[in-house]
Amino acid sequence: MVAVRHHDDGRVRVVTLDRPARRNALRPADLDALAAAVVGTPPDVPVVYIHGAGPAFSAGADLDVVAGLDDPATFARHGQAVARRIETADAVVIAGIDGAARGGGLELALACDLRVATPDATLAEPGVALGLFGAWGGTVRLPRIVGEGEALDLALSGRVVDAEEARRIGLVSRVVADPRTVADEVATHPADALRAIRERVRDRAPDEDREAAEAEAFARLAAAHADELAAARADRGSEGPGGEGDEGT
């Protein structure tokens, strides 16, 4: 039985890793179901929120599967492909980490746009203790997000970090009581603006090309939201001199 389920709640698709007895460890079919849930969101659902059932986010790859692999490289590529589908999805993808995120579970969270933790969250890349390492894109995204020094420290030691240390090193962006509230907050904004922001920030082209694409995307959004801009200007004008309306974009 596939251990991933999802439902749409307003403008947020809630994806639940639902195998709590195994700390939401992931098998190949679970990876496929996760990818399908993330990329299958309709245009009016601009945010995907991934969380784990029970006391863990995800323990990562199911070790029973790993121990029986005839072709470990294929399994690694499978997880990498799912992480890329999360990273390139149309929707903003937010990982809500409560409890343990380990190995592949952490690596899939690294592919999300935001990682939001509860105070009870713990995160680690423990593969080195088994003579392995994170191969679902872990050696690619972890140094990109926290820097090479922190990435090497985490991967070479296999140590567990708590939520506050994870926030300090940039592994998570916030520590809150309920990460779902962040998904709801993000989902209040226009879907086309959310999509443009994530596309521009994730663009790996040379800086000059990125800046050109940024200007073009800004122009498209300005044209699409001309009415909202005009209304915002009118509101500011009605405040009179010294008004305290928000300035800028």
C-alpha atoms as a PDB file:
ATOM      1  CA  MET A   1       0.000   0.000   0.000  1.00  0.00           C
ATOM      2  CA  VAL A   2       1.371   3.393  -1.027  1.00  0.00           C
ATOM      3  CA  ALA A   3       2.088   5.529   2.036  1.00  0.00           C
ATOM      4  CA  VAL A   4       1.439   8.970   0.543  1.00  0.00           C
ATOM      5  CA  ARG A   5      -1.933  10.682   0.502  1.00  0.00           C
ATOM      6  CA  HIS A   6      -3.043  14.173  -0.409  1.00  0.00           C
ATOM      7  CA  HIS A   7      -6.025  16.492  -0.468  1.00  0.00           C
ATOM      8  CA  ASP A   8      -6.642  20.089  -1.508  1.00  0.00           C
ATOM      9  CA  ASP A   9      -7.602  22.500   1.270  1.00  0.00           C
ATOM     10  CA  GLY A  10      -8.424  25.844  -0.292  1.00  0.00           C
ATOM     11  CA  ARG A  11      -5.280  27.105  -2.037  1.00  0.00           C
ATOM     12  CA  VAL A  12      -2.996  24.545  -0.365  1.00  0.00           C
ATOM     13  CA  ARG A  13      -2.457  20.922  -1.363  1.00  0.00           C
ATOM     14  CA  VAL A  14      -1.646  18.958   1.768  1.00  0.00           C
ATOM     15  CA  VAL A  15       0.595  15.957   1.093  1.00  0.00           C
ATOM     16  CA  THR A  16       0.997  13.527   3.979  1.00  0.00           C
ATOM     17  CA  LEU A  17       3.771  10.955   4.241  1.00  0.00           C
ATOM     18  CA  ASP A  18       1.662   8.342   5.966  1.00  0.00           C
ATOM     19  CA  ARG A  19       3.668   5.416   7.277  1.00  0.00           C
ATOM     20  CA  PRO A  20       4.134   6.391  10.914  1.00  0.00           C
ATOM     21  CA  ALA A  21       4.996   2.881  12.133  1.00  0.00           C
ATOM     22  CA  ARG A  22       8.162   3.106   9.980  1.00  0.00           C
ATOM     23  CA  ARG A  23       8.730   6.824  10.623  1.00  0.00           C
ATOM     24  CA  ASN A  24       7.438   7.525   7.103  1.00  0.00           C
ATOM     25  CA  ALA A  25      10.303   5.657   5.424  1.00  0.00           C
ATOM     26  CA  LEU A  26       9.958   5.810   1.653  1.00  0.00           C
ATOM     27  CA  ARG A  27       9.845   2.998  -0.900  1.00  0.00           C
ATOM     28  CA  PRO A  28       9.929   3.419  -4.703  1.00  0.00           C
ATOM     29  CA  ALA A  29       6.128   3.479  -4.996  1.00  0.00           C
ATOM     30  CA  ASP A  30       5.945   6.123  -2.263  1.00  0.00           C
ATOM     31  CA  LEU A  31       8.435   8.276  -4.173  1.00  0.00           C
ATOM     32  CA  ASP A  32       6.289   8.034  -7.296  1.00  0.00           C
ATOM     33  CA  ALA A  33       3.143   8.941  -5.364  1.00  0.00           C
ATOM     34  CA  LEU A  34       4.888  11.918  -3.788  1.00  0.00           C
ATOM     35  CA  ALA A  35       6.037  13.219  -7.164  1.00  0.00           C
ATOM     36  CA  ALA A  36       2.561  12.782  -8.656  1.00  0.00           C
ATOM     37  CA  ALA A  37       0.931  14.650  -5.757  1.00  0.00           C
ATOM     38  CA  VAL A  38       3.336  17.581  -6.069  1.00  0.00           C
ATOM     39  CA  VAL A  39       3.289  18.043  -9.836  1.00  0.00           C
ATOM     40  CA  GLY A  40      -0.422  17.382 -10.227  1.00  0.00           C
ATOM     41  CA  THR A  41      -1.685  20.530  -8.526  1.00  0.00           C
ATOM     42  CA  PRO A  42      -4.278  22.587 -10.431  1.00  0.00           C
ATOM     43  CA  PRO A  43      -3.553  26.258 -11.250  1.00  0.00           C
ATOM     44  CA  ASP A  44      -5.810  27.523  -8.446  1.00  0.00           C
ATOM     45  CA  VAL A  45      -3.790  25.615  -5.811  1.00  0.00           C
ATOM     46  CA  PRO A  46      -0.444  27.457  -5.791  1.00  0.00           C
ATOM     47  CA  VAL A  47       1.087  25.911  -2.648  1.00  0.00           C
ATOM     48  CA  VAL A  48       1.957  22.322  -1.724  1.00  0.00           C
ATOM     49  CA  TYR A  49       2.551  21.501   1.924  1.00  0.00           C
ATOM     50  CA  ILE A  50       4.388  18.244   2.695  1.00  0.00           C
ATOM     51  CA  HIS A  51       4.391  16.844   6.207  1.00  0.00           C
ATOM     52  CA  GLY A  52       4.682  13.520   7.988  1.00  0.00           C
ATOM     53  CA  ALA A  53       2.075  11.565   9.923  1.00  0.00           C
ATOM     54  CA  GLY A  54       2.982  10.687  13.484  1.00  0.00           C
ATOM     55  CA  PRO A  55       6.158  11.701  15.324  1.00  0.00           C
ATOM     56  CA  ALA A  56       8.495  12.046  12.299  1.00  0.00           C
ATOM     57  CA  PHE A  57       8.701  13.924   9.029  1.00  0.00           C
ATOM     58  CA  SER A  58      10.510  11.085   7.266  1.00  0.00           C
ATOM     59  CA  ALA A  59      13.301   8.664   8.078  1.00  0.00           C
ATOM     60  CA  GLY A  60      14.247   8.714   4.388  1.00  0.00           C
ATOM     61  CA  ALA A  61      14.755   5.654   2.248  1.00  0.00           C
ATOM     62  CA  ASP A  62      13.360   2.410   3.641  1.00  0.00           C
ATOM     63  CA  LEU A  63      16.443   0.453   4.753  1.00  0.00           C
ATOM     64  CA  ASP A  64      14.742  -2.847   3.941  1.00  0.00           C
ATOM     65  CA  VAL A  65      14.632  -1.671   0.323  1.00  0.00           C
ATOM     66  CA  VAL A  66      18.209  -0.373   0.390  1.00  0.00           C
ATOM     67  CA  ALA A  67      19.563  -3.635   1.838  1.00  0.00           C
ATOM     68  CA  GLY A  68      17.992  -5.663  -0.965  1.00  0.00           C
ATOM     69  CA  LEU A  69      19.006  -3.495  -3.900  1.00  0.00           C
ATOM     70  CA  ASP A  70      20.499  -5.159  -6.971  1.00  0.00           C
ATOM     71  CA  ASP A  71      21.097  -1.776  -8.604  1.00  0.00           C
ATOM     72  CA  PRO A  72      21.731   0.951  -6.010  1.00  0.00           C
ATOM     73  CA  ALA A  73      22.489   3.559  -8.683  1.00  0.00           C
ATOM     74  CA  THR A  74      18.988   3.191 -10.140  1.00  0.00           C
ATOM     75  CA  PHE A  75      17.444   3.700  -6.700  1.00  0.00           C
ATOM     76  CA  ALA A  76      19.593   6.808  -6.177  1.00  0.00           C
ATOM     77  CA  ARG A  77      18.547   8.195  -9.562  1.00  0.00           C
ATOM     78  CA  HIS A  78      14.916   7.501  -8.697  1.00  0.00           C
ATOM     79  CA  GLY A  79      15.107   9.655  -5.568  1.00  0.00           C
ATOM     80  CA  GLN A  80      17.047  12.324  -7.446  1.00  0.00           C
ATOM     81  CA  ALA A  81      14.374  12.488 -10.138  1.00  0.00           C
ATOM     82  CA  VAL A  82      11.632  12.940  -7.542  1.00  0.00           C
ATOM     83  CA  ALA A  83      13.626  15.692  -5.824  1.00  0.00           C
ATOM     84  CA  ARG A  84      14.019  17.481  -9.177  1.00  0.00           C
ATOM     85  CA  ARG A  85      10.280  17.229  -9.805  1.00  0.00           C
ATOM     86  CA  ILE A  86       9.657  18.854  -6.428  1.00  0.00           C
ATOM     87  CA  GLU A  87      12.248  21.526  -7.161  1.00  0.00           C
ATOM     88  CA  THR A  88      10.780  22.368 -10.583  1.00  0.00           C
ATOM     89  CA  ALA A  89       7.072  22.093  -9.759  1.00  0.00           C
ATOM     90  CA  ASP A  90       4.752  24.946 -10.728  1.00  0.00           C
ATOM     91  CA  ALA A  91       3.521  25.301  -7.144  1.00  0.00           C
ATOM     92  CA  VAL A  92       5.498  26.601  -4.198  1.00  0.00           C
ATOM     93  CA  VAL A  93       6.465  23.526  -2.151  1.00  0.00           C
ATOM     94  CA  ILE A  94       6.853  23.816   1.619  1.00  0.00           C
ATOM     95  CA  ALA A  95       8.155  21.080   3.910  1.00  0.00           C
ATOM     96  CA  GLY A  96       6.628  21.176   7.389  1.00  0.00           C
ATOM     97  CA  ILE A  97       9.165  19.338   9.555  1.00  0.00           C
ATOM     98  CA  ASP A  98       7.923  18.060  12.900  1.00  0.00           C
ATOM     99  CA  GLY A  99      10.056  15.408  14.537  1.00  0.00           C
ATOM    100  CA  ALA A 100      12.841  13.615  12.687  1.00  0.00           C
ATOM    101  CA  ALA A 101      13.953  14.358   9.118  1.00  0.00           C
ATOM    102  CA  ARG A 102      16.724  11.944   8.231  1.00  0.00           C
ATOM    103  CA  GLY A 103      18.697  11.058   5.120  1.00  0.00           C
ATOM    104  CA  GLY A 104      16.411  10.910   2.110  1.00  0.00           C
ATOM    105  CA  GLY A 105      13.652  12.606   4.083  1.00  0.00           C
ATOM    106  CA  LEU A 106      15.894  15.598   4.622  1.00  0.00           C
ATOM    107  CA  GLU A 107      17.064  15.497   1.003  1.00  0.00           C
ATOM    108  CA  LEU A 108      13.504  15.682  -0.303  1.00  0.00           C
ATOM    109  CA  ALA A 109      12.887  18.597   2.068  1.00  0.00           C
ATOM    110  CA  LEU A 110      15.998  20.285   0.626  1.00  0.00           C
ATOM    111  CA  ALA A 111      14.290  20.223  -2.781  1.00  0.00           C
ATOM    112  CA  CYS A 112      11.342  22.199  -1.377  1.00  0.00           C
ATOM    113  CA  ASP A 113      11.202  25.982  -1.608  1.00  0.00           C
ATOM    114  CA  LEU A 114      10.819  26.427   2.138  1.00  0.00           C
ATOM    115  CA  ARG A 115      11.586  24.220   5.093  1.00  0.00           C
ATOM    116  CA  VAL A 116       9.656  25.211   8.210  1.00  0.00           C
ATOM    117  CA  ALA A 117      10.297  23.362  11.460  1.00  0.00           C
ATOM    118  CA  THR A 118       8.536  22.965  14.767  1.00  0.00           C
ATOM    119  CA  PRO A 119      10.568  23.250  17.990  1.00  0.00           C
ATOM    120  CA  ASP A 120      10.548  19.429  18.154  1.00  0.00           C
ATOM    121  CA  ALA A 121      12.167  18.966  14.747  1.00  0.00           C
ATOM    122  CA  THR A 122      15.565  17.271  14.392  1.00  0.00           C
ATOM    123  CA  LEU A 123      17.497  16.942  11.153  1.00  0.00           C
ATOM    124  CA  ALA A 124      20.457  14.825  10.066  1.00  0.00           C
ATOM    125  CA  GLU A 125      22.316  13.165   7.199  1.00  0.00           C
ATOM    126  CA  PRO A 126      23.275   9.945   9.027  1.00  0.00           C
ATOM    127  CA  GLY A 127      24.291   7.832   6.037  1.00  0.00           C
ATOM    128  CA  VAL A 128      28.000   7.921   6.871  1.00  0.00           C
ATOM    129  CA  ALA A 129      27.374   5.644   9.878  1.00  0.00           C
ATOM    130  CA  LEU A 130      26.306   2.942   7.388  1.00  0.00           C
ATOM    131  CA  GLY A 131      29.176   3.646   5.030  1.00  0.00           C
ATOM    132  CA  LEU A 132      26.893   5.630   2.713  1.00  0.00           C
ATOM    133  CA  PHE A 133      25.876   9.232   2.069  1.00  0.00           C
ATOM    134  CA  GLY A 134      22.813  11.153   0.952  1.00  0.00           C
ATOM    135  CA  ALA A 135      22.361  10.305  -2.738  1.00  0.00           C
ATOM    136  CA  TRP A 136      18.970  11.846  -3.481  1.00  0.00           C
ATOM    137  CA  GLY A 137      20.697  15.104  -4.349  1.00  0.00           C
ATOM    138  CA  GLY A 138      22.037  15.593  -0.835  1.00  0.00           C
ATOM    139  CA  THR A 139      25.605  16.391  -1.869  1.00  0.00           C
ATOM    140  CA  VAL A 140      24.252  18.915  -4.386  1.00  0.00           C
ATOM    141  CA  ARG A 141      21.589  20.823  -2.462  1.00  0.00           C
ATOM    142  CA  LEU A 142      22.942  20.687   1.083  1.00  0.00           C
ATOM    143  CA  PRO A 143      26.077  22.780   0.336  1.00  0.00           C
ATOM    144  CA  ARG A 144      24.015  25.099  -1.850  1.00  0.00           C
ATOM    145  CA  ILE A 145      21.676  25.816   1.060  1.00  0.00           C
ATOM    146  CA  VAL A 146      23.957  25.854   4.122  1.00  0.00           C
ATOM    147  CA  GLY A 147      27.395  26.322   2.560  1.00  0.00           C
ATOM    148  CA  GLU A 148      30.161  23.820   1.953  1.00  0.00           C
ATOM    149  CA  GLY A 149      31.597  23.907   5.477  1.00  0.00           C
ATOM    150  CA  GLU A 150      28.301  23.243   7.233  1.00  0.00           C
ATOM    151  CA  ALA A 151      27.371  20.599   4.653  1.00  0.00           C
ATOM    152  CA  LEU A 152      30.610  18.721   5.203  1.00  0.00           C
ATOM    153  CA  ASP A 153      30.203  18.941   8.967  1.00  0.00           C
ATOM    154  CA  LEU A 154      26.703  17.458   8.805  1.00  0.00           C
ATOM    155  CA  ALA A 155      27.523  14.748   6.258  1.00  0.00           C
ATOM    156  CA  LEU A 156      30.904  13.682   7.641  1.00  0.00           C
ATOM    157  CA  SER A 157      29.750  13.518  11.253  1.00  0.00           C
ATOM    158  CA  GLY A 158      26.171  12.334  10.736  1.00  0.00           C
ATOM    159  CA  ARG A 159      25.259  14.468  13.750  1.00  0.00           C
ATOM    160  CA  VAL A 160      21.712  15.512  14.571  1.00  0.00           C
ATOM    161  CA  VAL A 161      20.840  19.202  14.739  1.00  0.00           C
ATOM    162  CA  ASP A 162      17.821  20.612  16.523  1.00  0.00           C
ATOM    163  CA  ALA A 163      15.401  23.153  15.083  1.00  0.00           C
ATOM    164  CA  GLU A 164      17.178  26.236  16.378  1.00  0.00           C
ATOM    165  CA  GLU A 165      20.571  25.175  15.053  1.00  0.00           C
ATOM    166  CA  ALA A 166      18.951  24.259  11.759  1.00  0.00           C
ATOM    167  CA  ARG A 167      17.513  27.775  11.567  1.00  0.00           C
ATOM    168  CA  ARG A 168      20.854  29.341  12.480  1.00  0.00           C
ATOM    169  CA  ILE A 169      22.707  27.602   9.657  1.00  0.00           C
ATOM    170  CA  GLY A 170      19.908  28.162   7.137  1.00  0.00           C
ATOM    171  CA  LEU A 171      18.762  24.557   6.908  1.00  0.00           C
ATOM    172  CA  VAL A 172      15.240  25.713   7.831  1.00  0.00           C
ATOM    173  CA  SER A 173      13.841  29.213   7.387  1.00  0.00           C
ATOM    174  CA  ARG A 174      11.535  29.395  10.407  1.00  0.00           C
ATOM    175  CA  VAL A 175      10.723  27.597  13.644  1.00  0.00           C
ATOM    176  CA  VAL A 176       7.016  27.820  14.459  1.00  0.00           C
ATOM    177  CA  ALA A 177       4.427  25.866  16.400  1.00  0.00           C
ATOM    178  CA  ASP A 178       2.490  24.886  13.257  1.00  0.00           C
ATOM    179  CA  PRO A 179       4.313  24.998   9.895  1.00  0.00           C
ATOM    180  CA  ARG A 180       0.999  24.739   8.038  1.00  0.00           C
ATOM    181  CA  THR A 181       0.350  28.386   8.972  1.00  0.00           C
ATOM    182  CA  VAL A 182       3.290  29.394   6.778  1.00  0.00           C
ATOM    183  CA  ALA A 183       1.782  27.519   3.829  1.00  0.00           C
ATOM    184  CA  ASP A 184      -1.515  29.328   4.398  1.00  0.00           C
ATOM    185  CA  GLU A 185       0.320  32.664   4.580  1.00  0.00           C
ATOM    186  CA  VAL A 186       2.156  32.106   1.301  1.00  0.00           C
ATOM    187  CA  ALA A 187      -1.028  30.898  -0.412  1.00  0.00           C
ATOM    188  CA  THR A 188      -2.728  34.292   0.096  1.00  0.00           C
ATOM    189  CA  HIS A 189      -0.526  35.824  -2.615  1.00  0.00           C
ATOM    190  CA  PRO A 190      -1.137  35.749  -6.394  1.00  0.00           C
ATOM    191  CA  ALA A 191      -0.149  32.449  -7.960  1.00  0.00           C
ATOM    192  CA  ASP A 192       1.653  34.036 -10.915  1.00  0.00           C
ATOM    193  CA  ALA A 193       3.827  36.138  -8.587  1.00  0.00           C
ATOM    194  CA  LEU A 194       4.693  33.088  -6.481  1.00  0.00           C
ATOM    195  CA  ARG A 195       5.613  31.124  -9.584  1.00  0.00           C
ATOM    196  CA  ALA A 196       7.759  33.948 -10.982  1.00  0.00           C
ATOM    197  CA  ILE A 197       9.645  34.410  -7.707  1.00  0.00           C
ATOM    198  CA  ARG A 198      10.542  30.736  -7.345  1.00  0.00           C
ATOM    199  CA  GLU A 199      11.549  30.503 -11.012  1.00  0.00           C
ATOM    200  CA  ARG A 200      13.800  33.532 -10.765  1.00  0.00           C
ATOM    201  CA  VAL A 201      15.454  32.538  -7.480  1.00  0.00           C
ATOM    202  CA  ARG A 202      16.071  28.970  -8.684  1.00  0.00           C
ATOM    203  CA  ASP A 203      17.451  30.023 -12.092  1.00  0.00           C
ATOM    204  CA  ARG A 204      21.051  28.758 -12.492  1.00  0.00           C
ATOM    205  CA  ALA A 205      21.850  30.777 -15.625  1.00  0.00           C
ATOM    206  CA  PRO A 206      24.637  33.411 -15.659  1.00  0.00           C
ATOM    207  CA  ASP A 207      23.813  36.569 -13.693  1.00  0.00           C
ATOM    208  CA  GLU A 208      23.320  38.781 -16.745  1.00  0.00           C
ATOM    209  CA  ASP A 209      20.786  36.347 -18.213  1.00  0.00           C
ATOM    210  CA  ARG A 210      19.042  36.049 -14.858  1.00  0.00           C
ATOM    211  CA  GLU A 211      18.726  39.833 -14.588  1.00  0.00           C
ATOM    212  CA  ALA A 212      17.243  40.047 -18.081  1.00  0.00           C
ATOM    213  CA  ALA A 213      14.731  37.334 -17.238  1.00  0.00           C
ATOM    214  CA  GLU A 214      13.957  39.101 -13.966  1.00  0.00           C
ATOM    215  CA  ALA A 215      13.095  42.343 -15.772  1.00  0.00           C
ATOM    216  CA  GLU A 216      10.872  40.524 -18.262  1.00  0.00           C
ATOM    217  CA  ALA A 217       9.030  38.651 -15.519  1.00  0.00           C
ATOM    218  CA  PHE A 218       8.541  41.869 -13.543  1.00  0.00           C
ATOM    219  CA  ALA A 219       7.059  43.555 -16.616  1.00  0.00           C
ATOM    220  CA  ARG A 220       4.629  40.687 -17.184  1.00  0.00           C
ATOM    221  CA  LEU A 221       3.443  40.819 -13.581  1.00  0.00           C
ATOM    222  CA  ALA A 222       3.089  44.610 -13.663  1.00  0.00           C
ATOM    223  CA  ALA A 223       0.848  44.335 -16.721  1.00  0.00           C
ATOM    224  CA  ALA A 224      -1.168  41.462 -15.260  1.00  0.00           C
ATOM    225  CA  HIS A 225      -1.748  43.288 -11.968  1.00  0.00           C
ATOM    226  CA  ALA A 226      -2.227  46.836 -13.265  1.00  0.00           C
ATOM    227  CA  ASP A 227      -5.609  47.137 -11.538  1.00  0.00           C
ATOM    228  CA  GLU A 228      -4.211  46.111  -8.156  1.00  0.00           C
ATOM    229  CA  LEU A 229      -1.325  48.576  -8.537  1.00  0.00           C
ATOM    230  CA  ALA A 230      -3.724  51.379  -9.407  1.00  0.00           C
ATOM    231  CA  ALA A 231      -5.903  50.555  -6.395  1.00  0.00           C
ATOM    232  CA  ALA A 232      -2.849  50.556  -4.117  1.00  0.00           C
ATOM    233  CA  ARG A 233      -1.819  53.991  -5.428  1.00  0.00           C
ATOM    234  CA  ALA A 234      -5.325  55.311  -4.846  1.00  0.00           C
ATOM    235  CA  ASP A 235      -5.329  54.015  -1.280  1.00  0.00           C
ATOM    236  CA  ARG A 236      -2.035  55.739  -0.552  1.00  0.00           C
ATOM    237  CA  GLY A 237      -3.239  58.972  -2.053  1.00  0.00           C
ATOM    238  CA  SER A 238      -6.305  58.957   0.199  1.00  0.00           C
ATOM    239  CA  GLU A 239      -4.081  58.851   3.294  1.00  0.00           C
ATOM    240  CA  GLY A 240      -2.797  62.367   2.637  1.00  0.00           C
ATOM    241  CA  PRO A 241       0.660  63.707   3.539  1.00  0.00           C
ATOM    242  CA  GLY A 242       2.472  61.581   6.058  1.00  0.00           C
ATOM    243  CA  GLY A 243       0.302  58.524   5.427  1.00  0.00           C
ATOM    244  CA  GLU A 244       1.678  55.235   6.593  1.00  0.00           C
ATOM    245  CA  GLY A 245       0.788  53.024   3.650  1.00  0.00           C
ATOM    246  CA  ASP A 246       3.325  50.434   2.503  1.00  0.00           C
ATOM    247  CA  GLU A 247       5.794  51.828  -0.009  1.00  0.00           C
ATOM    248  CA  GLY A 248       7.416  50.060  -2.936  1.00  0.00           C
ATOM    249  CA  THR A 249       6.656  46.679  -4.436  1.00  0.00           C
END
